[in-house]
Amino acid sequence: MLAGASGHASAVAVDVNVATQSQLVSVRGIGPRTAQIIIDERRRAGPFESFEDLSDRVKGIGPSKASRLQDAGLTVGRRYFVVPEPADVADHAKKRK
């Protein structure tokens, strides 16, 4: 049997914090309902910090399933955007002159 013949093979990593429902469903072990729950929870409480956070916040994903999802290509990316304080921006502009 060829790898990926099941229809759930993940050719690339799928980041739980930015993936669409169809991208989440492409990960073996995530169906449409779980994908929607993940997206709803992400919208409600923000990005997932870790696989432990994912299993704590999403019903039906316990620690062992979270580990299997990680093996199947699911990742938990961390995307932090730091908004500088106005004084920091002014100081940076002065230094560039």
PDB file of N, CA and C in Angstrom:
ATOM      1  N   MET A   1       0.846  -1.182   0.000  1.00  0.00           N
ATOM      2  CA  MET A   1       0.000   0.000   0.000  1.00  0.00           C
ATOM      3  C   MET A   1       0.888   1.241   0.000  1.00  0.00           C
ATOM      4  N   LEU A   2       0.499   2.217  -0.775  1.00  0.00           N
ATOM      5  CA  LEU A   2       1.261   3.465  -0.851  1.00  0.00           C
ATOM      6  C   LEU A   2       0.980   4.326   0.360  1.00  0.00           C
ATOM      7  N   ALA A   3       2.008   5.045   0.795  1.00  0.00           N
ATOM      8  CA  ALA A   3       1.809   5.994   1.890  1.00  0.00           C
ATOM      9  C   ALA A   3       0.831   7.052   1.435  1.00  0.00           C
ATOM     10  N   GLY A   4      -0.118   7.368   2.282  1.00  0.00           N
ATOM     11  CA  GLY A   4      -1.088   8.407   1.952  1.00  0.00           C
ATOM     12  C   GLY A   4      -2.318   7.874   1.250  1.00  0.00           C
ATOM     13  N   ALA A   5      -2.427   6.585   1.046  1.00  0.00           N
ATOM     14  CA  ALA A   5      -3.573   6.026   0.353  1.00  0.00           C
ATOM     15  C   ALA A   5      -4.860   6.177   1.156  1.00  0.00           C
ATOM     16  N   SER A   6      -4.763   6.431   2.435  1.00  0.00           N
ATOM     17  CA  SER A   6      -5.957   6.563   3.262  1.00  0.00           C
ATOM     18  C   SER A   6      -6.697   7.866   3.028  1.00  0.00           C
ATOM     19  N   GLY A   7      -6.046   8.826   2.369  1.00  0.00           N
ATOM     20  CA  GLY A   7      -6.699  10.116   2.149  1.00  0.00           C
ATOM     21  C   GLY A   7      -6.463  11.100   3.269  1.00  0.00           C
ATOM     22  N   HIS A   8      -5.803  10.684   4.339  1.00  0.00           N
ATOM     23  CA  HIS A   8      -5.540  11.580   5.459  1.00  0.00           C
ATOM     24  C   HIS A   8      -4.065  11.889   5.623  1.00  0.00           C
ATOM     25  N   ALA A   9      -3.246  11.515   4.665  1.00  0.00           N
ATOM     26  CA  ALA A   9      -1.806  11.749   4.799  1.00  0.00           C
ATOM     27  C   ALA A   9      -1.519  13.240   4.792  1.00  0.00           C
ATOM     28  N   SER A  10      -0.562  13.632   5.575  1.00  0.00           N
ATOM     29  CA  SER A  10      -0.181  15.033   5.656  1.00  0.00           C
ATOM     30  C   SER A  10       1.206  15.184   5.049  1.00  0.00           C
ATOM     31  N   ALA A  11       1.268  15.770   3.852  1.00  0.00           N
ATOM     32  CA  ALA A  11       2.541  15.916   3.152  1.00  0.00           C
ATOM     33  C   ALA A  11       3.425  16.963   3.820  1.00  0.00           C
ATOM     34  N   VAL A  12       2.819  17.955   4.432  1.00  0.00           N
ATOM     35  CA  VAL A  12       3.563  19.003   5.105  1.00  0.00           C
ATOM     36  C   VAL A  12       2.973  19.207   6.497  1.00  0.00           C
ATOM     37  N   ALA A  13       3.709  19.893   7.325  1.00  0.00           N
ATOM     38  CA  ALA A  13       3.221  20.186   8.670  1.00  0.00           C
ATOM     39  C   ALA A  13       2.003  21.107   8.583  1.00  0.00           C
ATOM     40  N   VAL A  14       1.059  20.876   9.460  1.00  0.00           N
ATOM     41  CA  VAL A  14      -0.153  21.688   9.535  1.00  0.00           C
ATOM     42  C   VAL A  14      -0.145  22.374  10.899  1.00  0.00           C
ATOM     43  N   ASP A  15      -0.098  23.689  10.889  1.00  0.00           N
ATOM     44  CA  ASP A  15      -0.052  24.469  12.124  1.00  0.00           C
ATOM     45  C   ASP A  15      -1.469  24.671  12.659  1.00  0.00           C
ATOM     46  N   VAL A  16      -1.740  24.131  13.837  1.00  0.00           N
ATOM     47  CA  VAL A  16      -3.066  24.202  14.439  1.00  0.00           C
ATOM     48  C   VAL A  16      -3.523  25.647  14.657  1.00  0.00           C
ATOM     49  N   ASN A  17      -2.589  26.580  14.741  1.00  0.00           N
ATOM     50  CA  ASN A  17      -2.955  27.964  15.019  1.00  0.00           C
ATOM     51  C   ASN A  17      -3.339  28.780  13.788  1.00  0.00           C
ATOM     52  N   VAL A  18      -3.101  28.259  12.598  1.00  0.00           N
ATOM     53  CA  VAL A  18      -3.454  29.015  11.391  1.00  0.00           C
ATOM     54  C   VAL A  18      -4.186  28.187  10.344  1.00  0.00           C
ATOM     55  N   ALA A  19      -4.293  26.882  10.559  1.00  0.00           N
ATOM     56  CA  ALA A  19      -4.867  25.990   9.555  1.00  0.00           C
ATOM     57  C   ALA A  19      -6.361  26.214   9.367  1.00  0.00           C
ATOM     58  N   THR A  20      -6.794  26.026   8.134  1.00  0.00           N
ATOM     59  CA  THR A  20      -8.219  26.033   7.810  1.00  0.00           C
ATOM     60  C   THR A  20      -8.812  24.688   8.200  1.00  0.00           C
ATOM     61  N   GLN A  21     -10.134  24.582   8.111  1.00  0.00           N
ATOM     62  CA  GLN A  21     -10.778  23.316   8.440  1.00  0.00           C
ATOM     63  C   GLN A  21     -10.288  22.211   7.507  1.00  0.00           C
ATOM     64  N   SER A  22     -10.191  22.483   6.226  1.00  0.00           N
ATOM     65  CA  SER A  22      -9.755  21.436   5.294  1.00  0.00           C
ATOM     66  C   SER A  22      -8.303  21.037   5.542  1.00  0.00           C
ATOM     67  N   GLN A  23      -7.470  21.977   5.947  1.00  0.00           N
ATOM     68  CA  GLN A  23      -6.086  21.636   6.275  1.00  0.00           C
ATOM     69  C   GLN A  23      -6.025  20.765   7.529  1.00  0.00           C
ATOM     70  N   LEU A  24      -6.840  21.086   8.520  1.00  0.00           N
ATOM     71  CA  LEU A  24      -6.867  20.277   9.739  1.00  0.00           C
ATOM     72  C   LEU A  24      -7.363  18.862   9.445  1.00  0.00           C
ATOM     73  N   VAL A  25      -8.379  18.747   8.598  1.00  0.00           N
ATOM     74  CA  VAL A  25      -8.929  17.432   8.253  1.00  0.00           C
ATOM     75  C   VAL A  25      -7.907  16.587   7.505  1.00  0.00           C
ATOM     76  N   SER A  26      -6.929  17.227   6.864  1.00  0.00           N
ATOM     77  CA  SER A  26      -5.902  16.472   6.148  1.00  0.00           C
ATOM     78  C   SER A  26      -4.953  15.736   7.090  1.00  0.00           C
ATOM     79  N   VAL A  27      -4.995  16.064   8.382  1.00  0.00           N
ATOM     80  CA  VAL A  27      -4.161  15.386   9.377  1.00  0.00           C
ATOM     81  C   VAL A  27      -4.895  14.133   9.841  1.00  0.00           C
ATOM     82  N   ARG A  28      -4.225  12.999   9.750  1.00  0.00           N
ATOM     83  CA  ARG A  28      -4.817  11.728  10.174  1.00  0.00           C
ATOM     84  C   ARG A  28      -5.234  11.825  11.645  1.00  0.00           C
ATOM     85  N   GLY A  29      -6.511  11.552  11.912  1.00  0.00           N
ATOM     86  CA  GLY A  29      -7.025  11.600  13.277  1.00  0.00           C
ATOM     87  C   GLY A  29      -7.913  12.804  13.550  1.00  0.00           C
ATOM     88  N   ILE A  30      -7.993  13.739  12.593  1.00  0.00           N
ATOM     89  CA  ILE A  30      -8.868  14.901  12.757  1.00  0.00           C
ATOM     90  C   ILE A  30      -9.956  14.840  11.695  1.00  0.00           C
ATOM     91  N   GLY A  31     -11.182  14.787  12.166  1.00  0.00           N
ATOM     92  CA  GLY A  31     -12.327  14.811  11.257  1.00  0.00           C
ATOM     93  C   GLY A  31     -12.916  16.215  11.186  1.00  0.00           C
ATOM     94  N   PRO A  32     -13.937  16.400  10.362  1.00  0.00           N
ATOM     95  CA  PRO A  32     -14.533  17.731  10.197  1.00  0.00           C
ATOM     96  C   PRO A  32     -15.050  18.343  11.500  1.00  0.00           C
ATOM     97  N   ARG A  33     -15.668  17.522  12.349  1.00  0.00           N
ATOM     98  CA  ARG A  33     -16.225  18.045  13.605  1.00  0.00           C
ATOM     99  C   ARG A  33     -15.112  18.524  14.531  1.00  0.00           C
ATOM    100  N   THR A  34     -14.076  17.712  14.704  1.00  0.00           N
ATOM    101  CA  THR A  34     -12.952  18.103  15.568  1.00  0.00           C
ATOM    102  C   THR A  34     -12.237  19.320  14.998  1.00  0.00           C
ATOM    103  N   ALA A  35     -12.089  19.371  13.682  1.00  0.00           N
ATOM    104  CA  ALA A  35     -11.451  20.533  13.053  1.00  0.00           C
ATOM    105  C   ALA A  35     -12.230  21.806  13.378  1.00  0.00           C
ATOM    106  N   GLN A  36     -13.551  21.740  13.313  1.00  0.00           N
ATOM    107  CA  GLN A  36     -14.362  22.926  13.611  1.00  0.00           C
ATOM    108  C   GLN A  36     -14.260  23.303  15.083  1.00  0.00           C
ATOM    109  N   ILE A  37     -14.204  22.301  15.965  1.00  0.00           N
ATOM    110  CA  ILE A  37     -14.047  22.585  17.395  1.00  0.00           C
ATOM    111  C   ILE A  37     -12.707  23.281  17.650  1.00  0.00           C
ATOM    112  N   ILE A  38     -11.656  22.815  16.986  1.00  0.00           N
ATOM    113  CA  ILE A  38     -10.338  23.441  17.123  1.00  0.00           C
ATOM    114  C   ILE A  38     -10.393  24.898  16.687  1.00  0.00           C
ATOM    115  N   ILE A  39     -11.003  25.151  15.535  1.00  0.00           N
ATOM    116  CA  ILE A  39     -11.098  26.519  15.012  1.00  0.00           C
ATOM    117  C   ILE A  39     -11.922  27.398  15.941  1.00  0.00           C
ATOM    118  N   ASP A  40     -13.056  26.880  16.423  1.00  0.00           N
ATOM    119  CA  ASP A  40     -13.908  27.656  17.336  1.00  0.00           C
ATOM    120  C   ASP A  40     -13.163  28.007  18.624  1.00  0.00           C
ATOM    121  N   GLU A  41     -12.418  27.039  19.171  1.00  0.00           N
ATOM    122  CA  GLU A  41     -11.666  27.284  20.408  1.00  0.00           C
ATOM    123  C   GLU A  41     -10.532  28.273  20.165  1.00  0.00           C
ATOM    124  N   ARG A  42      -9.904  28.179  19.023  1.00  0.00           N
ATOM    125  CA  ARG A  42      -8.827  29.108  18.667  1.00  0.00           C
ATOM    126  C   ARG A  42      -9.368  30.536  18.574  1.00  0.00           C
ATOM    127  N   ARG A  43     -10.546  30.681  17.992  1.00  0.00           N
ATOM    128  CA  ARG A  43     -11.168  32.015  17.903  1.00  0.00           C
ATOM    129  C   ARG A  43     -11.587  32.525  19.272  1.00  0.00           C
ATOM    130  N   ARG A  44     -12.084  31.608  20.118  1.00  0.00           N
ATOM    131  CA  ARG A  44     -12.584  32.002  21.429  1.00  0.00           C
ATOM    132  C   ARG A  44     -11.461  32.418  22.374  1.00  0.00           C
ATOM    133  N   ALA A  45     -10.393  31.627  22.421  1.00  0.00           N
ATOM    134  CA  ALA A  45      -9.380  31.851  23.460  1.00  0.00           C
ATOM    135  C   ALA A  45      -7.976  32.124  22.922  1.00  0.00           C
ATOM    136  N   GLY A  46      -7.845  32.268  21.617  1.00  0.00           N
ATOM    137  CA  GLY A  46      -6.546  32.597  21.064  1.00  0.00           C
ATOM    138  C   GLY A  46      -5.740  31.364  20.699  1.00  0.00           C
ATOM    139  N   PRO A  47      -4.522  31.596  20.212  1.00  0.00           N
ATOM    140  CA  PRO A  47      -3.694  30.485  19.737  1.00  0.00           C
ATOM    141  C   PRO A  47      -3.356  29.489  20.836  1.00  0.00           C
ATOM    142  N   PHE A  48      -3.142  28.264  20.401  1.00  0.00           N
ATOM    143  CA  PHE A  48      -2.725  27.215  21.320  1.00  0.00           C
ATOM    144  C   PHE A  48      -1.234  27.392  21.603  1.00  0.00           C
ATOM    145  N   GLU A  49      -0.863  27.206  22.855  1.00  0.00           N
ATOM    146  CA  GLU A  49       0.523  27.385  23.277  1.00  0.00           C
ATOM    147  C   GLU A  49       1.358  26.124  23.111  1.00  0.00           C
ATOM    148  N   SER A  50       0.701  24.967  23.191  1.00  0.00           N
ATOM    149  CA  SER A  50       1.417  23.690  23.164  1.00  0.00           C
ATOM    150  C   SER A  50       0.410  22.583  22.888  1.00  0.00           C
ATOM    151  N   PHE A  51       0.916  21.360  22.704  1.00  0.00           N
ATOM    152  CA  PHE A  51       0.006  20.227  22.551  1.00  0.00           C
ATOM    153  C   PHE A  51      -0.757  19.971  23.841  1.00  0.00           C
ATOM    154  N   GLU A  52      -0.147  20.250  24.975  1.00  0.00           N
ATOM    155  CA  GLU A  52      -0.846  20.114  26.256  1.00  0.00           C
ATOM    156  C   GLU A  52      -2.017  21.101  26.312  1.00  0.00           C
ATOM    157  N   ASP A  53      -1.789  22.322  25.872  1.00  0.00           N
ATOM    158  CA  ASP A  53      -2.853  23.324  25.823  1.00  0.00           C
ATOM    159  C   ASP A  53      -3.970  22.865  24.887  1.00  0.00           C
ATOM    160  N   LEU A  54      -3.608  22.316  23.747  1.00  0.00           N
ATOM    161  CA  LEU A  54      -4.596  21.800  22.795  1.00  0.00           C
ATOM    162  C   LEU A  54      -5.444  20.720  23.452  1.00  0.00           C
ATOM    163  N   SER A  55      -4.804  19.774  24.135  1.00  0.00           N
ATOM    164  CA  SER A  55      -5.565  18.682  24.753  1.00  0.00           C
ATOM    165  C   SER A  55      -6.399  19.167  25.933  1.00  0.00           C
ATOM    166  N   ASP A  56      -5.950  20.211  26.615  1.00  0.00           N
ATOM    167  CA  ASP A  56      -6.735  20.778  27.714  1.00  0.00           C
ATOM    168  C   ASP A  56      -7.979  21.508  27.216  1.00  0.00           C
ATOM    169  N   ARG A  57      -7.876  22.146  26.059  1.00  0.00           N
ATOM    170  CA  ARG A  57      -8.952  23.009  25.577  1.00  0.00           C
ATOM    171  C   ARG A  57      -9.917  22.359  24.595  1.00  0.00           C
ATOM    172  N   VAL A  58      -9.517  21.280  23.957  1.00  0.00           N
ATOM    173  CA  VAL A  58     -10.370  20.670  22.934  1.00  0.00           C
ATOM    174  C   VAL A  58     -10.854  19.308  23.409  1.00  0.00           C
ATOM    175  N   LYS A  59     -12.161  19.212  23.651  1.00  0.00           N
ATOM    176  CA  LYS A  59     -12.766  17.957  24.085  1.00  0.00           C
ATOM    177  C   LYS A  59     -12.546  16.901  23.013  1.00  0.00           C
ATOM    178  N   GLY A  60     -12.115  15.735  23.448  1.00  0.00           N
ATOM    179  CA  GLY A  60     -11.873  14.644  22.515  1.00  0.00           C
ATOM    180  C   GLY A  60     -10.412  14.492  22.123  1.00  0.00           C
ATOM    181  N   ILE A  61      -9.600  15.471  22.498  1.00  0.00           N
ATOM    182  CA  ILE A  61      -8.157  15.358  22.244  1.00  0.00           C
ATOM    183  C   ILE A  61      -7.458  15.293  23.596  1.00  0.00           C
ATOM    184  N   GLY A  62      -7.121  14.083  23.980  1.00  0.00           N
ATOM    185  CA  GLY A  62      -6.373  13.874  25.216  1.00  0.00           C
ATOM    186  C   GLY A  62      -4.887  13.870  24.908  1.00  0.00           C
ATOM    187  N   PRO A  63      -4.068  13.684  25.922  1.00  0.00           N
ATOM    188  CA  PRO A  63      -2.618  13.687  25.713  1.00  0.00           C
ATOM    189  C   PRO A  63      -2.132  12.661  24.688  1.00  0.00           C
ATOM    190  N   SER A  64      -2.690  11.439  24.727  1.00  0.00           N
ATOM    191  CA  SER A  64      -2.215  10.424  23.781  1.00  0.00           C
ATOM    192  C   SER A  64      -2.643  10.744  22.358  1.00  0.00           C
ATOM    193  N   LYS A  65      -3.862  11.262  22.184  1.00  0.00           N
ATOM    194  CA  LYS A  65      -4.295  11.641  20.835  1.00  0.00           C
ATOM    195  C   LYS A  65      -3.492  12.840  20.342  1.00  0.00           C
ATOM    196  N   ALA A  66      -3.184  13.781  21.221  1.00  0.00           N
ATOM    197  CA  ALA A  66      -2.361  14.933  20.841  1.00  0.00           C
ATOM    198  C   ALA A  66      -1.000  14.464  20.338  1.00  0.00           C
ATOM    199  N   SER A  67      -0.443  13.461  20.995  1.00  0.00           N
ATOM    200  CA  SER A  67       0.840  12.912  20.569  1.00  0.00           C
ATOM    201  C   SER A  67       0.721  12.263  19.188  1.00  0.00           C
ATOM    202  N   ARG A  68      -0.361  11.516  18.955  1.00  0.00           N
ATOM    203  CA  ARG A  68      -0.570  10.897  17.641  1.00  0.00           C
ATOM    204  C   ARG A  68      -0.763  11.955  16.556  1.00  0.00           C
ATOM    205  N   LEU A  69      -1.457  13.043  16.883  1.00  0.00           N
ATOM    206  CA  LEU A  69      -1.647  14.121  15.912  1.00  0.00           C
ATOM    207  C   LEU A  69      -0.314  14.778  15.570  1.00  0.00           C
ATOM    208  N   GLN A  70       0.534  14.925  16.564  1.00  0.00           N
ATOM    209  CA  GLN A  70       1.869  15.486  16.330  1.00  0.00           C
ATOM    210  C   GLN A  70       2.652  14.565  15.391  1.00  0.00           C
ATOM    211  N   ASP A  71       2.583  13.264  15.620  1.00  0.00           N
ATOM    212  CA  ASP A  71       3.253  12.305  14.744  1.00  0.00           C
ATOM    213  C   ASP A  71       2.693  12.348  13.327  1.00  0.00           C
ATOM    214  N   ALA A  72       1.414  12.708  13.198  1.00  0.00           N
ATOM    215  CA  ALA A  72       0.758  12.755  11.888  1.00  0.00           C
ATOM    216  C   ALA A  72       1.015  14.069  11.144  1.00  0.00           C
ATOM    217  N   GLY A  73       1.728  15.000  11.765  1.00  0.00           N
ATOM    218  CA  GLY A  73       2.087  16.236  11.073  1.00  0.00           C
ATOM    219  C   GLY A  73       1.491  17.511  11.628  1.00  0.00           C
ATOM    220  N   LEU A  74       0.713  17.424  12.706  1.00  0.00           N
ATOM    221  CA  LEU A  74       0.159  18.627  13.315  1.00  0.00           C
ATOM    222  C   LEU A  74       1.256  19.327  14.116  1.00  0.00           C
ATOM    223  N   THR A  75       1.331  20.629  14.004  1.00  0.00           N
ATOM    224  CA  THR A  75       2.300  21.413  14.775  1.00  0.00           C
ATOM    225  C   THR A  75       1.565  22.505  15.542  1.00  0.00           C
ATOM    226  N   VAL A  76       2.220  23.040  16.545  1.00  0.00           N
ATOM    227  CA  VAL A  76       1.690  24.170  17.313  1.00  0.00           C
ATOM    228  C   VAL A  76       2.683  25.303  17.141  1.00  0.00           C
ATOM    229  N   GLY A  77       2.412  26.138  16.155  1.00  0.00           N
ATOM    230  CA  GLY A  77       3.294  27.277  15.908  1.00  0.00           C
ATOM    231  C   GLY A  77       3.059  28.364  16.923  1.00  0.00           C
ATOM    232  N   ARG A  78       4.075  29.135  17.146  1.00  0.00           N
ATOM    233  CA  ARG A  78       3.948  30.260  18.073  1.00  0.00           C
ATOM    234  C   ARG A  78       4.182  31.532  17.298  1.00  0.00           C
ATOM    235  N   ARG A  79       3.167  32.329  17.236  1.00  0.00           N
ATOM    236  CA  ARG A  79       3.255  33.579  16.499  1.00  0.00           C
ATOM    237  C   ARG A  79       2.899  34.715  17.448  1.00  0.00           C
ATOM    238  N   TYR A  80       3.904  35.419  17.864  1.00  0.00           N
ATOM    239  CA  TYR A  80       3.691  36.538  18.765  1.00  0.00           C
ATOM    240  C   TYR A  80       4.033  37.827  18.035  1.00  0.00           C
ATOM    241  N   PHE A  81       3.161  38.781  18.136  1.00  0.00           N
ATOM    242  CA  PHE A  81       3.409  40.073  17.527  1.00  0.00           C
ATOM    243  C   PHE A  81       3.570  41.077  18.654  1.00  0.00           C
ATOM    244  N   VAL A  82       4.734  41.670  18.724  1.00  0.00           N
ATOM    245  CA  VAL A  82       5.008  42.641  19.773  1.00  0.00           C
ATOM    246  C   VAL A  82       4.737  44.025  19.208  1.00  0.00           C
ATOM    247  N   VAL A  83       3.831  44.722  19.842  1.00  0.00           N
ATOM    248  CA  VAL A  83       3.512  46.079  19.424  1.00  0.00           C
ATOM    249  C   VAL A  83       4.344  47.022  20.272  1.00  0.00           C
ATOM    250  N   PRO A  84       5.247  47.766  19.636  1.00  0.00           N
ATOM    251  CA  PRO A  84       6.107  48.648  20.424  1.00  0.00           C
ATOM    252  C   PRO A  84       5.327  49.813  21.026  1.00  0.00           C
ATOM    253  N   GLU A  85       5.804  50.246  22.148  1.00  0.00           N
ATOM    254  CA  GLU A  85       5.226  51.434  22.781  1.00  0.00           C
ATOM    255  C   GLU A  85       5.599  52.653  21.943  1.00  0.00           C
ATOM    256  N   PRO A  86       4.775  53.686  21.911  1.00  0.00           N
ATOM    257  CA  PRO A  86       5.087  54.893  21.125  1.00  0.00           C
ATOM    258  C   PRO A  86       6.455  55.480  21.444  1.00  0.00           C
ATOM    259  N   ALA A  87       6.873  55.453  22.712  1.00  0.00           N
ATOM    260  CA  ALA A  87       8.180  56.001  23.083  1.00  0.00           C
ATOM    261  C   ALA A  87       9.297  55.188  22.442  1.00  0.00           C
ATOM    262  N   ASP A  88       9.121  53.863  22.345  1.00  0.00           N
ATOM    263  CA  ASP A  88      10.130  53.010  21.719  1.00  0.00           C
ATOM    264  C   ASP A  88      10.274  53.327  20.233  1.00  0.00           C
ATOM    265  N   VAL A  89       9.166  53.596  19.577  1.00  0.00           N
ATOM    266  CA  VAL A  89       9.199  53.934  18.153  1.00  0.00           C
ATOM    267  C   VAL A  89       9.926  55.254  17.949  1.00  0.00           C
ATOM    268  N   ALA A  90       9.646  56.241  18.808  1.00  0.00           N
ATOM    269  CA  ALA A  90      10.304  57.548  18.701  1.00  0.00           C
ATOM    270  C   ALA A  90      11.808  57.406  18.941  1.00  0.00           C
ATOM    271  N   ASP A  91      12.202  56.620  19.941  1.00  0.00           N
ATOM    272  CA  ASP A  91      13.624  56.408  20.219  1.00  0.00           C
ATOM    273  C   ASP A  91      14.312  55.736  19.043  1.00  0.00           C
ATOM    274  N   HIS A  92      13.670  54.762  18.449  1.00  0.00           N
ATOM    275  CA  HIS A  92      14.249  54.052  17.302  1.00  0.00           C
ATOM    276  C   HIS A  92      14.428  55.004  16.125  1.00  0.00           C
ATOM    277  N   ALA A  93      13.438  55.865  15.912  1.00  0.00           N
ATOM    278  CA  ALA A  93      13.522  56.825  14.805  1.00  0.00           C
ATOM    279  C   ALA A  93      14.686  57.805  15.021  1.00  0.00           C
ATOM    280  N   LYS A  94      14.914  58.246  16.261  1.00  0.00           N
ATOM    281  CA  LYS A  94      16.006  59.163  16.571  1.00  0.00           C
ATOM    282  C   LYS A  94      17.361  58.499  16.298  1.00  0.00           C
ATOM    283  N   LYS A  95      17.470  57.229  16.660  1.00  0.00           N
ATOM    284  CA  LYS A  95      18.731  56.513  16.482  1.00  0.00           C
ATOM    285  C   LYS A  95      19.067  56.306  15.004  1.00  0.00           C
ATOM    286  N   ARG A  96      18.069  56.248  14.157  1.00  0.00           N
ATOM    287  CA  ARG A  96      18.302  56.003  12.740  1.00  0.00           C
ATOM    288  C   ARG A  96      18.765  57.273  12.015  1.00  0.00           C
ATOM    289  N   LYS A  97      18.560  58.447  12.609  1.00  0.00           N
ATOM    290  CA  LYS A  97      18.928  59.708  11.942  1.00  0.00           C
ATOM    291  C   LYS A  97      20.400  59.960  12.011  1.00  0.00           C
TER     292      LYS A  97
END
